Amino acid sequence: MNNRGKKKLPKWLSVAAEEGQVGRLRRILALGADPNQRHDGITPLFLASVQGELRCAALLLAAGASPNEESGGRRAGLPLAAAASKADLPMAELLLRYGADPLLPERSGNSALDWARGWEESVEEHRAVEELLLAAVEGRADGAGA
């Protein structure tokens, strides 16, 4: 691949992650794209998380994407906070398996746990994500004392 093509990898990676193009994402990663490379300040993992693209998020994480890398620019935030704000339990579970921190604050000051607790209405999906994040926090506390 020439230099011109290499410069386009971050954009291609972001588009594939956001649009759920699993095969294309796999090919772009095979070309050597950095799964943490930002396009317009936004990480591909954040885009996959916002859109609920679980298979793309799993590919990015397996390729080394950081679950605790905050996006900037026009769509700022952490992947786990995006999953929590959308009450996306499968995405939150995946991100936690790869080390996402439910207490890590975004630049706005809110953590994923804050987002999970921030719903006025208490529906099953919101409660499930909040309970998952609380269990992850408690598990870390238990592990720290061992």
C-alpha atoms as a PDB file:
ATOM      1  CA  MET A   1       0.000   0.000   0.000  1.00  0.00           C
ATOM      2  CA  ASN A   2       1.325   3.433  -0.891  1.00  0.00           C
ATOM      3  CA  ASN A   3       1.531   6.405   1.504  1.00  0.00           C
ATOM      4  CA  ARG A   4      -1.635   7.944   0.100  1.00  0.00           C
ATOM      5  CA  GLY A   5      -3.583   4.805   0.949  1.00  0.00           C
ATOM      6  CA  LYS A   6      -2.026   4.609   4.421  1.00  0.00           C
ATOM      7  CA  LYS A   7      -3.205   8.148   5.156  1.00  0.00           C
ATOM      8  CA  LYS A   8      -6.776   7.071   4.416  1.00  0.00           C
ATOM      9  CA  LEU A   9      -6.742   4.090   6.773  1.00  0.00           C
ATOM     10  CA  PRO A  10      -8.042   6.000   9.829  1.00  0.00           C
ATOM     11  CA  LYS A  11     -11.032   7.324   7.890  1.00  0.00           C
ATOM     12  CA  TRP A  12     -11.783   3.938   6.331  1.00  0.00           C
ATOM     13  CA  LEU A  13     -11.491   2.270   9.732  1.00  0.00           C
ATOM     14  CA  SER A  14     -13.874   4.756  11.338  1.00  0.00           C
ATOM     15  CA  VAL A  15     -16.459   4.456   8.578  1.00  0.00           C
ATOM     16  CA  ALA A  16     -16.364   0.658   8.685  1.00  0.00           C
ATOM     17  CA  ALA A  17     -16.674   0.627  12.503  1.00  0.00           C
ATOM     18  CA  GLU A  18     -19.548   3.091  12.551  1.00  0.00           C
ATOM     19  CA  GLU A  19     -21.460   1.392   9.740  1.00  0.00           C
ATOM     20  CA  GLY A  20     -20.994  -2.160  10.993  1.00  0.00           C
ATOM     21  CA  GLN A  21     -18.966  -3.279   7.988  1.00  0.00           C
ATOM     22  CA  VAL A  22     -17.286  -6.234   9.693  1.00  0.00           C
ATOM     23  CA  GLY A  23     -15.551  -7.682   6.622  1.00  0.00           C
ATOM     24  CA  ARG A  24     -14.233  -4.305   5.537  1.00  0.00           C
ATOM     25  CA  LEU A  25     -13.053  -3.557   9.065  1.00  0.00           C
ATOM     26  CA  ARG A  26     -11.205  -6.878   9.183  1.00  0.00           C
ATOM     27  CA  ARG A  27      -9.479  -6.110   5.842  1.00  0.00           C
ATOM     28  CA  ILE A  28      -8.471  -2.597   6.943  1.00  0.00           C
ATOM     29  CA  LEU A  29      -6.988  -3.937  10.169  1.00  0.00           C
ATOM     30  CA  ALA A  30      -5.108  -6.568   8.134  1.00  0.00           C
ATOM     31  CA  LEU A  31      -3.587  -3.720   6.103  1.00  0.00           C
ATOM     32  CA  GLY A  32      -1.992  -2.466   9.306  1.00  0.00           C
ATOM     33  CA  ALA A  33      -4.464   0.163  10.467  1.00  0.00           C
ATOM     34  CA  ASP A  34      -3.986   1.215  14.090  1.00  0.00           C
ATOM     35  CA  PRO A  35      -7.247   0.433  15.955  1.00  0.00           C
ATOM     36  CA  ASN A  36      -6.640   3.465  18.195  1.00  0.00           C
ATOM     37  CA  GLN A  37      -6.018   5.891  15.307  1.00  0.00           C
ATOM     38  CA  ARG A  38      -8.457   8.769  15.431  1.00  0.00           C
ATOM     39  CA  HIS A  39     -10.292  10.312  12.511  1.00  0.00           C
ATOM     40  CA  ASP A  40     -11.518  13.837  13.221  1.00  0.00           C
ATOM     41  CA  GLY A  41     -10.596  13.246  16.872  1.00  0.00           C
ATOM     42  CA  ILE A  42     -12.865  10.211  17.220  1.00  0.00           C
ATOM     43  CA  THR A  43     -11.739   6.643  17.859  1.00  0.00           C
ATOM     44  CA  PRO A  44     -13.249   3.805  15.820  1.00  0.00           C
ATOM     45  CA  LEU A  45     -14.172   1.984  19.041  1.00  0.00           C
ATOM     46  CA  PHE A  46     -16.229   4.942  20.243  1.00  0.00           C
ATOM     47  CA  LEU A  47     -18.076   5.018  16.915  1.00  0.00           C
ATOM     48  CA  ALA A  48     -18.777   1.291  17.085  1.00  0.00           C
ATOM     49  CA  SER A  49     -19.988   1.694  20.675  1.00  0.00           C
ATOM     50  CA  VAL A  50     -22.289   4.613  19.882  1.00  0.00           C
ATOM     51  CA  GLN A  51     -23.832   2.716  16.983  1.00  0.00           C
ATOM     52  CA  GLY A  52     -24.151  -0.555  18.888  1.00  0.00           C
ATOM     53  CA  GLU A  53     -21.902  -2.373  16.409  1.00  0.00           C
ATOM     54  CA  LEU A  54     -20.877  -5.187  18.740  1.00  0.00           C
ATOM     55  CA  ARG A  55     -18.975  -7.298  16.178  1.00  0.00           C
ATOM     56  CA  CYS A  56     -16.954  -4.279  15.039  1.00  0.00           C
ATOM     57  CA  ALA A  57     -16.173  -3.347  18.634  1.00  0.00           C
ATOM     58  CA  ALA A  58     -15.028  -6.918  19.308  1.00  0.00           C
ATOM     59  CA  LEU A  59     -12.710  -6.849  16.274  1.00  0.00           C
ATOM     60  CA  LEU A  60     -11.225  -3.514  17.312  1.00  0.00           C
ATOM     61  CA  LEU A  61     -10.664  -4.647  20.889  1.00  0.00           C
ATOM     62  CA  ALA A  62      -9.066  -7.902  19.745  1.00  0.00           C
ATOM     63  CA  ALA A  63      -6.776  -5.830  17.515  1.00  0.00           C
ATOM     64  CA  GLY A  64      -5.650  -3.743  20.502  1.00  0.00           C
ATOM     65  CA  ALA A  65      -8.092  -0.826  20.694  1.00  0.00           C
ATOM     66  CA  SER A  66      -8.091   0.786  24.124  1.00  0.00           C
ATOM     67  CA  PRO A  67     -11.497   0.696  25.834  1.00  0.00           C
ATOM     68  CA  ASN A  68     -10.453   3.662  27.996  1.00  0.00           C
ATOM     69  CA  GLU A  69      -9.453   6.039  25.188  1.00  0.00           C
ATOM     70  CA  GLU A  70     -11.734   9.070  25.076  1.00  0.00           C
ATOM     71  CA  SER A  71     -12.748  10.554  21.755  1.00  0.00           C
ATOM     72  CA  GLY A  72     -12.631  14.261  21.197  1.00  0.00           C
ATOM     73  CA  GLY A  73     -13.925  16.542  18.523  1.00  0.00           C
ATOM     74  CA  ARG A  74     -17.568  16.800  17.596  1.00  0.00           C
ATOM     75  CA  ARG A  75     -18.426  13.424  19.158  1.00  0.00           C
ATOM     76  CA  ALA A  76     -16.502  13.215  22.404  1.00  0.00           C
ATOM     77  CA  GLY A  77     -16.742  10.452  24.965  1.00  0.00           C
ATOM     78  CA  LEU A  78     -15.673   7.067  26.226  1.00  0.00           C
ATOM     79  CA  PRO A  79     -16.902   3.822  24.648  1.00  0.00           C
ATOM     80  CA  LEU A  80     -18.295   2.459  27.929  1.00  0.00           C
ATOM     81  CA  ALA A  81     -20.087   5.733  28.656  1.00  0.00           C
ATOM     82  CA  ALA A  82     -21.691   5.519  25.204  1.00  0.00           C
ATOM     83  CA  ALA A  83     -22.843   1.967  25.914  1.00  0.00           C
ATOM     84  CA  ALA A  84     -24.179   3.014  29.331  1.00  0.00           C
ATOM     85  CA  SER A  85     -26.021   6.024  27.957  1.00  0.00           C
ATOM     86  CA  LYS A  86     -27.715   3.795  25.387  1.00  0.00           C
ATOM     87  CA  ALA A  87     -28.378   0.995  27.901  1.00  0.00           C
ATOM     88  CA  ASP A  88     -26.468  -1.386  25.597  1.00  0.00           C
ATOM     89  CA  LEU A  89     -25.800  -4.322  27.919  1.00  0.00           C
ATOM     90  CA  PRO A  90     -23.927  -6.569  25.419  1.00  0.00           C
ATOM     91  CA  MET A  91     -21.593  -3.693  24.465  1.00  0.00           C
ATOM     92  CA  ALA A  92     -20.960  -2.824  28.120  1.00  0.00           C
ATOM     93  CA  GLU A  93     -20.153  -6.481  28.884  1.00  0.00           C
ATOM     94  CA  LEU A  94     -17.710  -6.637  25.975  1.00  0.00           C
ATOM     95  CA  LEU A  95     -15.944  -3.417  26.956  1.00  0.00           C
ATOM     96  CA  LEU A  96     -15.646  -4.506  30.581  1.00  0.00           C
ATOM     97  CA  ARG A  97     -14.064  -7.813  29.486  1.00  0.00           C
ATOM     98  CA  TYR A  98     -11.365  -5.769  27.775  1.00  0.00           C
ATOM     99  CA  GLY A  99     -10.705  -3.594  30.815  1.00  0.00           C
ATOM    100  CA  ALA A 100     -13.013  -0.597  30.426  1.00  0.00           C
ATOM    101  CA  ASP A 101     -13.163   1.412  33.641  1.00  0.00           C
ATOM    102  CA  PRO A 102     -16.740   2.218  34.762  1.00  0.00           C
ATOM    103  CA  LEU A 103     -15.470   5.002  37.035  1.00  0.00           C
ATOM    104  CA  LEU A 104     -13.185   6.746  34.524  1.00  0.00           C
ATOM    105  CA  PRO A 105     -14.569  10.257  34.029  1.00  0.00           C
ATOM    106  CA  GLU A 106     -15.021  11.781  30.609  1.00  0.00           C
ATOM    107  CA  ARG A 107     -13.892  15.362  30.067  1.00  0.00           C
ATOM    108  CA  SER A 108     -17.447  16.360  30.985  1.00  0.00           C
ATOM    109  CA  GLY A 109     -16.866  14.809  34.402  1.00  0.00           C
ATOM    110  CA  ASN A 110     -19.349  11.933  34.024  1.00  0.00           C
ATOM    111  CA  SER A 111     -18.300   8.304  34.186  1.00  0.00           C
ATOM    112  CA  ALA A 112     -20.073   5.363  32.556  1.00  0.00           C
ATOM    113  CA  LEU A 113     -21.622   4.591  35.939  1.00  0.00           C
ATOM    114  CA  ASP A 114     -22.897   8.173  36.147  1.00  0.00           C
ATOM    115  CA  TRP A 115     -24.489   7.787  32.713  1.00  0.00           C
ATOM    116  CA  ALA A 116     -26.076   4.484  33.746  1.00  0.00           C
ATOM    117  CA  ARG A 117     -27.547   6.125  36.856  1.00  0.00           C
ATOM    118  CA  GLY A 118     -28.678   9.253  35.047  1.00  0.00           C
ATOM    119  CA  TRP A 119     -32.000   7.998  33.736  1.00  0.00           C
ATOM    120  CA  GLU A 120     -35.146   9.498  35.190  1.00  0.00           C
ATOM    121  CA  GLU A 121     -37.210   6.519  34.133  1.00  0.00           C
ATOM    122  CA  SER A 122     -36.184   3.199  35.592  1.00  0.00           C
ATOM    123  CA  VAL A 123     -36.539   0.594  32.879  1.00  0.00           C
ATOM    124  CA  GLU A 124     -35.112  -2.896  32.830  1.00  0.00           C
ATOM    125  CA  GLU A 125     -32.347  -2.141  30.304  1.00  0.00           C
ATOM    126  CA  HIS A 126     -31.046   0.830  32.295  1.00  0.00           C
ATOM    127  CA  ARG A 127     -31.096  -1.114  35.555  1.00  0.00           C
ATOM    128  CA  ALA A 128     -29.252  -4.045  33.956  1.00  0.00           C
ATOM    129  CA  VAL A 129     -26.398  -1.837  32.746  1.00  0.00           C
ATOM    130  CA  GLU A 130     -26.172  -0.039  36.083  1.00  0.00           C
ATOM    131  CA  GLU A 131     -26.046  -3.363  37.953  1.00  0.00           C
ATOM    132  CA  LEU A 132     -23.358  -4.663  35.591  1.00  0.00           C
ATOM    133  CA  LEU A 133     -21.196  -1.587  36.124  1.00  0.00           C
ATOM    134  CA  LEU A 134     -21.703  -1.683  39.897  1.00  0.00           C
ATOM    135  CA  ALA A 135     -20.677  -5.353  39.943  1.00  0.00           C
ATOM    136  CA  ALA A 136     -17.542  -4.483  37.947  1.00  0.00           C
ATOM    137  CA  VAL A 137     -16.643  -1.719  40.430  1.00  0.00           C
ATOM    138  CA  GLU A 138     -17.267  -4.012  43.392  1.00  0.00           C
ATOM    139  CA  GLY A 139     -15.229  -6.773  41.728  1.00  0.00           C
ATOM    140  CA  ARG A 140     -12.291  -4.393  41.339  1.00  0.00           C
ATOM    141  CA  ALA A 141     -12.552  -3.391  44.987  1.00  0.00           C
ATOM    142  CA  ASP A 142     -12.642  -7.037  46.067  1.00  0.00           C
ATOM    143  CA  GLY A 143      -9.640  -7.841  43.855  1.00  0.00           C
ATOM    144  CA  ALA A 144      -7.632  -4.913  45.209  1.00  0.00           C
ATOM    145  CA  GLY A 145      -7.824  -6.245  48.735  1.00  0.00           C
ATOM    146  CA  ALA A 146      -6.787  -9.785  47.816  1.00  0.00           C
END
